[in-house]
PDB file of all heavy atoms in Angstrom:
ATOM      1  N   GLY A   1       0.831  -1.205   0.000  1.00  0.00           N
ATOM      2  CA  GLY A   1       0.000   0.000   0.000  1.00  0.00           C
ATOM      3  C   GLY A   1       0.862   1.248   0.000  1.00  0.00           C
ATOM      4  O   GLY A   1       2.062   1.203  -0.276  1.00  0.00           O
ATOM      5  N   GLY A   2       0.240   2.364   0.349  1.00  0.00           N
ATOM      6  CA  GLY A   2       0.941   3.640   0.323  1.00  0.00           C
ATOM      7  C   GLY A   2       1.370   4.091   1.709  1.00  0.00           C
ATOM      8  O   GLY A   2       0.637   3.917   2.686  1.00  0.00           O
ATOM      9  N   ASP A   3       2.559   4.644   1.797  1.00  0.00           N
ATOM     10  CA  ASP A   3       3.029   5.337   2.998  1.00  0.00           C
ATOM     11  C   ASP A   3       3.474   6.722   2.540  1.00  0.00           C
ATOM     12  O   ASP A   3       4.650   7.041   2.487  1.00  0.00           O
ATOM     13  CB  ASP A   3       4.172   4.565   3.646  1.00  0.00           C
ATOM     14  CG  ASP A   3       4.559   5.154   4.999  1.00  0.00           C
ATOM     15  OD1 ASP A   3       3.897   6.110   5.442  1.00  0.00           O
ATOM     16  OD2 ASP A   3       5.527   4.674   5.608  1.00  0.00           O
ATOM     17  N   ILE A   4       2.462   7.523   2.187  1.00  0.00           N
ATOM     18  CA  ILE A   4       2.660   8.808   1.512  1.00  0.00           C
ATOM     19  C   ILE A   4       2.084   9.903   2.399  1.00  0.00           C
ATOM     20  O   ILE A   4       1.072   9.700   3.079  1.00  0.00           O
ATOM     21  CB  ILE A   4       1.971   8.793   0.132  1.00  0.00           C
ATOM     22  CG1 ILE A   4       2.529   7.623  -0.714  1.00  0.00           C
ATOM     23  CG2 ILE A   4       2.171  10.107  -0.599  1.00  0.00           C
ATOM     24  CD1 ILE A   4       1.717   7.322  -1.936  1.00  0.00           C
ATOM     25  N   VAL A   5       2.715  11.059   2.389  1.00  0.00           N
ATOM     26  CA  VAL A   5       2.366  12.129   3.326  1.00  0.00           C
ATOM     27  C   VAL A   5       0.874  12.470   3.287  1.00  0.00           C
ATOM     28  O   VAL A   5       0.229  12.599   4.320  1.00  0.00           O
ATOM     29  CB  VAL A   5       3.210  13.387   3.028  1.00  0.00           C
ATOM     30  CG1 VAL A   5       2.704  14.573   3.841  1.00  0.00           C
ATOM     31  CG2 VAL A   5       4.675  13.126   3.357  1.00  0.00           C
ATOM     32  N   ASP A   6       0.302  12.614   2.091  1.00  0.00           N
ATOM     33  CA  ASP A   6      -1.081  13.094   1.989  1.00  0.00           C
ATOM     34  C   ASP A   6      -2.021  12.028   1.445  1.00  0.00           C
ATOM     35  O   ASP A   6      -3.038  12.351   0.833  1.00  0.00           O
ATOM     36  CB  ASP A   6      -1.131  14.347   1.102  1.00  0.00           C
ATOM     37  CG  ASP A   6      -0.583  14.079  -0.303  1.00  0.00           C
ATOM     38  OD1 ASP A   6      -0.021  12.996  -0.523  1.00  0.00           O
ATOM     39  OD2 ASP A   6      -0.713  14.969  -1.162  1.00  0.00           O
ATOM     40  N   TYR A   7      -1.708  10.757   1.660  1.00  0.00           N
ATOM     41  CA  TYR A   7      -2.500   9.688   1.061  1.00  0.00           C
ATOM     42  C   TYR A   7      -2.803   8.620   2.102  1.00  0.00           C
ATOM     43  O   TYR A   7      -1.903   8.052   2.719  1.00  0.00           O
ATOM     44  CB  TYR A   7      -1.726   9.083  -0.117  1.00  0.00           C
ATOM     45  CG  TYR A   7      -2.361   7.857  -0.755  1.00  0.00           C
ATOM     46  CD1 TYR A   7      -3.347   7.992  -1.721  1.00  0.00           C
ATOM     47  CD2 TYR A   7      -1.967   6.574  -0.402  1.00  0.00           C
ATOM     48  CE1 TYR A   7      -3.921   6.880  -2.310  1.00  0.00           C
ATOM     49  CE2 TYR A   7      -2.528   5.456  -0.985  1.00  0.00           C
ATOM     50  CZ  TYR A   7      -3.505   5.610  -1.942  1.00  0.00           C
ATOM     51  OH  TYR A   7      -4.078   4.510  -2.521  1.00  0.00           O
ATOM     52  N   ASP A   8      -4.083   8.339   2.328  1.00  0.00           N
ATOM     53  CA  ASP A   8      -4.526   7.231   3.172  1.00  0.00           C
ATOM     54  C   ASP A   8      -3.874   7.268   4.545  1.00  0.00           C
ATOM     55  O   ASP A   8      -3.367   6.261   5.031  1.00  0.00           O
ATOM     56  CB  ASP A   8      -4.242   5.895   2.471  1.00  0.00           C
ATOM     57  CG  ASP A   8      -4.937   4.716   3.179  1.00  0.00           C
ATOM     58  OD1 ASP A   8      -5.956   4.946   3.836  1.00  0.00           O
ATOM     59  OD2 ASP A   8      -4.447   3.575   3.059  1.00  0.00           O
ATOM     60  N   ARG A   9      -3.878   8.416   5.204  1.00  0.00           N
ATOM     61  CA  ARG A   9      -3.385   8.506   6.576  1.00  0.00           C
ATOM     62  C   ARG A   9      -4.565   8.311   7.522  1.00  0.00           C
ATOM     63  O   ARG A   9      -5.680   8.759   7.254  1.00  0.00           O
ATOM     64  CB  ARG A   9      -2.721   9.850   6.853  1.00  0.00           C
ATOM     65  CG  ARG A   9      -1.703  10.309   5.836  1.00  0.00           C
ATOM     66  CD  ARG A   9      -0.605   9.331   5.574  1.00  0.00           C
ATOM     67  NE  ARG A   9       0.308   9.153   6.697  1.00  0.00           N
ATOM     68  CZ  ARG A   9       1.462   8.496   6.617  1.00  0.00           C
ATOM     69  NH1 ARG A   9       1.820   7.928   5.466  1.00  0.00           N
ATOM     70  NH2 ARG A   9       2.258   8.373   7.670  1.00  0.00           N
ATOM     71  N   VAL A  10      -4.331   7.656   8.631  1.00  0.00           N
ATOM     72  CA  VAL A  10      -5.411   7.263   9.541  1.00  0.00           C
ATOM     73  C   VAL A  10      -5.064   7.713  10.957  1.00  0.00           C
ATOM     74  O   VAL A  10      -4.018   7.341  11.498  1.00  0.00           O
ATOM     75  CB  VAL A  10      -5.620   5.735   9.521  1.00  0.00           C
ATOM     76  CG1 VAL A  10      -6.725   5.341  10.504  1.00  0.00           C
ATOM     77  CG2 VAL A  10      -5.981   5.266   8.119  1.00  0.00           C
ATOM     78  N   GLU A  11      -5.951   8.498  11.552  1.00  0.00           N
ATOM     79  CA  GLU A  11      -5.786   8.823  12.966  1.00  0.00           C
ATOM     80  C   GLU A  11      -6.201   7.609  13.792  1.00  0.00           C
ATOM     81  O   GLU A  11      -7.223   6.986  13.534  1.00  0.00           O
ATOM     82  CB  GLU A  11      -6.620  10.046  13.348  1.00  0.00           C
ATOM     83  CG  GLU A  11      -6.121  11.336  12.729  1.00  0.00           C
ATOM     84  CD  GLU A  11      -6.684  12.572  13.405  1.00  0.00           C
ATOM     85  OE1 GLU A  11      -7.264  12.426  14.507  1.00  0.00           O
ATOM     86  OE2 GLU A  11      -6.544  13.677  12.849  1.00  0.00           O
ATOM     87  N   THR A  12      -5.408   7.279  14.801  1.00  0.00           N
ATOM     88  CA  THR A  12      -5.657   6.103  15.624  1.00  0.00           C
ATOM     89  C   THR A  12      -5.857   6.512  17.078  1.00  0.00           C
ATOM     90  O   THR A  12      -5.864   7.698  17.421  1.00  0.00           O
ATOM     91  CB  THR A  12      -4.468   5.128  15.528  1.00  0.00           C
ATOM     92  OG1 THR A  12      -3.332   5.714  16.194  1.00  0.00           O
ATOM     93  CG2 THR A  12      -4.119   4.823  14.075  1.00  0.00           C
ATOM     94  N   THR A  13      -5.961   5.499  17.930  1.00  0.00           N
ATOM     95  CA  THR A  13      -6.092   5.734  19.364  1.00  0.00           C
ATOM     96  C   THR A  13      -4.916   6.539  19.902  1.00  0.00           C
ATOM     97  O   THR A  13      -5.070   7.320  20.843  1.00  0.00           O
ATOM     98  CB  THR A  13      -6.173   4.381  20.094  1.00  0.00           C
ATOM     99  OG1 THR A  13      -7.239   3.606  19.531  1.00  0.00           O
ATOM    100  CG2 THR A  13      -6.428   4.571  21.576  1.00  0.00           C
ATOM    101  N   PHE A  14      -3.738   6.376  19.296  1.00  0.00           N
ATOM    102  CA  PHE A  14      -2.539   7.014  19.822  1.00  0.00           C
ATOM    103  C   PHE A  14      -2.304   8.420  19.262  1.00  0.00           C
ATOM    104  O   PHE A  14      -1.446   9.139  19.764  1.00  0.00           O
ATOM    105  CB  PHE A  14      -1.307   6.166  19.492  1.00  0.00           C
ATOM    106  CG  PHE A  14      -1.270   4.827  20.193  1.00  0.00           C
ATOM    107  CD1 PHE A  14      -0.309   3.883  19.857  1.00  0.00           C
ATOM    108  CD2 PHE A  14      -2.188   4.506  21.175  1.00  0.00           C
ATOM    109  CE1 PHE A  14      -0.261   2.659  20.496  1.00  0.00           C
ATOM    110  CE2 PHE A  14      -2.152   3.278  21.822  1.00  0.00           C
ATOM    111  CZ  PHE A  14      -1.190   2.344  21.473  1.00  0.00           C
ATOM    112  N   THR A  15      -3.033   8.812  18.228  1.00  0.00           N
ATOM    113  CA  THR A  15      -2.722  10.064  17.531  1.00  0.00           C
ATOM    114  C   THR A  15      -2.797  11.275  18.449  1.00  0.00           C
ATOM    115  O   THR A  15      -1.957  12.171  18.389  1.00  0.00           O
ATOM    116  CB  THR A  15      -3.665  10.251  16.333  1.00  0.00           C
ATOM    117  OG1 THR A  15      -3.481   9.156  15.415  1.00  0.00           O
ATOM    118  CG2 THR A  15      -3.374  11.556  15.610  1.00  0.00           C
ATOM    119  N   SER A  16      -3.808  11.309  19.322  1.00  0.00           N
ATOM    120  CA  SER A  16      -3.955  12.477  20.197  1.00  0.00           C
ATOM    121  C   SER A  16      -2.859  12.557  21.246  1.00  0.00           C
ATOM    122  O   SER A  16      -2.646  13.601  21.853  1.00  0.00           O
ATOM    123  CB  SER A  16      -5.320  12.442  20.889  1.00  0.00           C
ATOM    124  OG  SER A  16      -5.422  11.296  21.730  1.00  0.00           O
ATOM    125  N   ILE A  17      -2.133  11.442  21.436  1.00  0.00           N
ATOM    126  CA  ILE A  17      -1.074  11.423  22.450  1.00  0.00           C
ATOM    127  C   ILE A  17       0.290  11.698  21.827  1.00  0.00           C
ATOM    128  O   ILE A  17       1.028  12.575  22.284  1.00  0.00           O
ATOM    129  CB  ILE A  17      -1.049  10.061  23.183  1.00  0.00           C
ATOM    130  CG1 ILE A  17      -2.462   9.687  23.681  1.00  0.00           C
ATOM    131  CG2 ILE A  17      -0.066  10.118  24.342  1.00  0.00           C
ATOM    132  CD1 ILE A  17      -3.083  10.690  24.613  1.00  0.00           C
ATOM    133  N   ASN A  18       0.620  10.951  20.762  1.00  0.00           N
ATOM    134  CA  ASN A  18       1.958  11.111  20.183  1.00  0.00           C
ATOM    135  C   ASN A  18       1.969  11.909  18.888  1.00  0.00           C
ATOM    136  O   ASN A  18       3.031  12.167  18.316  1.00  0.00           O
ATOM    137  CB  ASN A  18       2.615   9.747  19.951  1.00  0.00           C
ATOM    138  CG  ASN A  18       1.817   8.866  18.996  1.00  0.00           C
ATOM    139  OD1 ASN A  18       0.959   9.335  18.257  1.00  0.00           O
ATOM    140  ND2 ASN A  18       2.106   7.571  19.007  1.00  0.00           N
ATOM    141  N   GLY A  19       0.784  12.298  18.392  1.00  0.00           N
ATOM    142  CA  GLY A  19       0.701  13.124  17.193  1.00  0.00           C
ATOM    143  C   GLY A  19       0.939  12.382  15.891  1.00  0.00           C
ATOM    144  O   GLY A  19       0.893  12.990  14.827  1.00  0.00           O
ATOM    145  N   GLU A  20       1.169  11.078  15.938  1.00  0.00           N
ATOM    146  CA  GLU A  20       1.468  10.330  14.723  1.00  0.00           C
ATOM    147  C   GLU A  20       0.185   9.924  14.003  1.00  0.00           C
ATOM    148  O   GLU A  20      -0.782   9.496  14.636  1.00  0.00           O
ATOM    149  CB  GLU A  20       2.287   9.081  15.055  1.00  0.00           C
ATOM    150  CG  GLU A  20       3.665   9.408  15.628  1.00  0.00           C
ATOM    151  CD  GLU A  20       4.446   8.157  15.990  1.00  0.00           C
ATOM    152  OE1 GLU A  20       3.922   7.036  15.752  1.00  0.00           O
ATOM    153  OE2 GLU A  20       5.559   8.286  16.525  1.00  0.00           O
ATOM    154  N   VAL A  21       0.183  10.073  12.672  1.00  0.00           N
ATOM    155  CA  VAL A  21      -0.951   9.671  11.835  1.00  0.00           C
ATOM    156  C   VAL A  21      -0.424   8.640  10.843  1.00  0.00           C
ATOM    157  O   VAL A  21       0.068   8.989   9.772  1.00  0.00           O
ATOM    158  CB  VAL A  21      -1.569  10.881  11.101  1.00  0.00           C
ATOM    159  CG1 VAL A  21      -2.810  10.448  10.327  1.00  0.00           C
ATOM    160  CG2 VAL A  21      -1.920  11.988  12.084  1.00  0.00           C
ATOM    161  N   PRO A  22      -0.498   7.354  11.202  1.00  0.00           N
ATOM    162  CA  PRO A  22       0.118   6.326  10.353  1.00  0.00           C
ATOM    163  C   PRO A  22      -0.660   6.091   9.070  1.00  0.00           C
ATOM    164  O   PRO A  22      -1.807   6.520   8.925  1.00  0.00           O
ATOM    165  CB  PRO A  22       0.093   5.078  11.247  1.00  0.00           C
ATOM    166  CG  PRO A  22      -1.079   5.298  12.143  1.00  0.00           C
ATOM    167  CD  PRO A  22      -1.124   6.783  12.390  1.00  0.00           C
ATOM    168  N   ALA A  23      -0.031   5.379   8.151  1.00  0.00           N
ATOM    169  CA  ALA A  23      -0.715   4.964   6.926  1.00  0.00           C
ATOM    170  C   ALA A  23      -1.749   3.901   7.263  1.00  0.00           C
ATOM    171  O   ALA A  23      -1.598   3.141   8.224  1.00  0.00           O
ATOM    172  CB  ALA A  23       0.296   4.424   5.922  1.00  0.00           C
ATOM    173  N   GLY A  24      -2.825   3.834   6.458  1.00  0.00           N
ATOM    174  CA  GLY A  24      -3.864   2.842   6.693  1.00  0.00           C
ATOM    175  C   GLY A  24      -3.337   1.428   6.683  1.00  0.00           C
ATOM    176  O   GLY A  24      -3.823   0.547   7.412  1.00  0.00           O
ATOM    177  N   ILE A  25      -2.299   1.178   5.884  1.00  0.00           N
ATOM    178  CA  ILE A  25      -1.730  -0.161   5.792  1.00  0.00           C
ATOM    179  C   ILE A  25      -1.169  -0.618   7.139  1.00  0.00           C
ATOM    180  O   ILE A  25      -1.211  -1.814   7.471  1.00  0.00           O
ATOM    181  CB  ILE A  25      -0.629  -0.165   4.697  1.00  0.00           C
ATOM    182  CG1 ILE A  25      -0.191  -1.570   4.367  1.00  0.00           C
ATOM    183  CG2 ILE A  25       0.551   0.676   5.092  1.00  0.00           C
ATOM    184  CD1 ILE A  25       0.798  -1.623   3.219  1.00  0.00           C
ATOM    185  N   ALA A  26      -0.667   0.323   7.947  1.00  0.00           N
ATOM    186  CA  ALA A  26      -0.128  -0.032   9.264  1.00  0.00           C
ATOM    187  C   ALA A  26      -1.236  -0.472  10.214  1.00  0.00           C
ATOM    188  O   ALA A  26      -1.019  -1.334  11.072  1.00  0.00           O
ATOM    189  CB  ALA A  26       0.637   1.157   9.844  1.00  0.00           C
TER     190      ALA A  26
END
């Protein structure tokens, strides 16, 4: 899949804590 800055990024349970928005594939 894609690990691209503006493509298919997903906010998760951890996003509000560590600020990371991983790719959907992760």
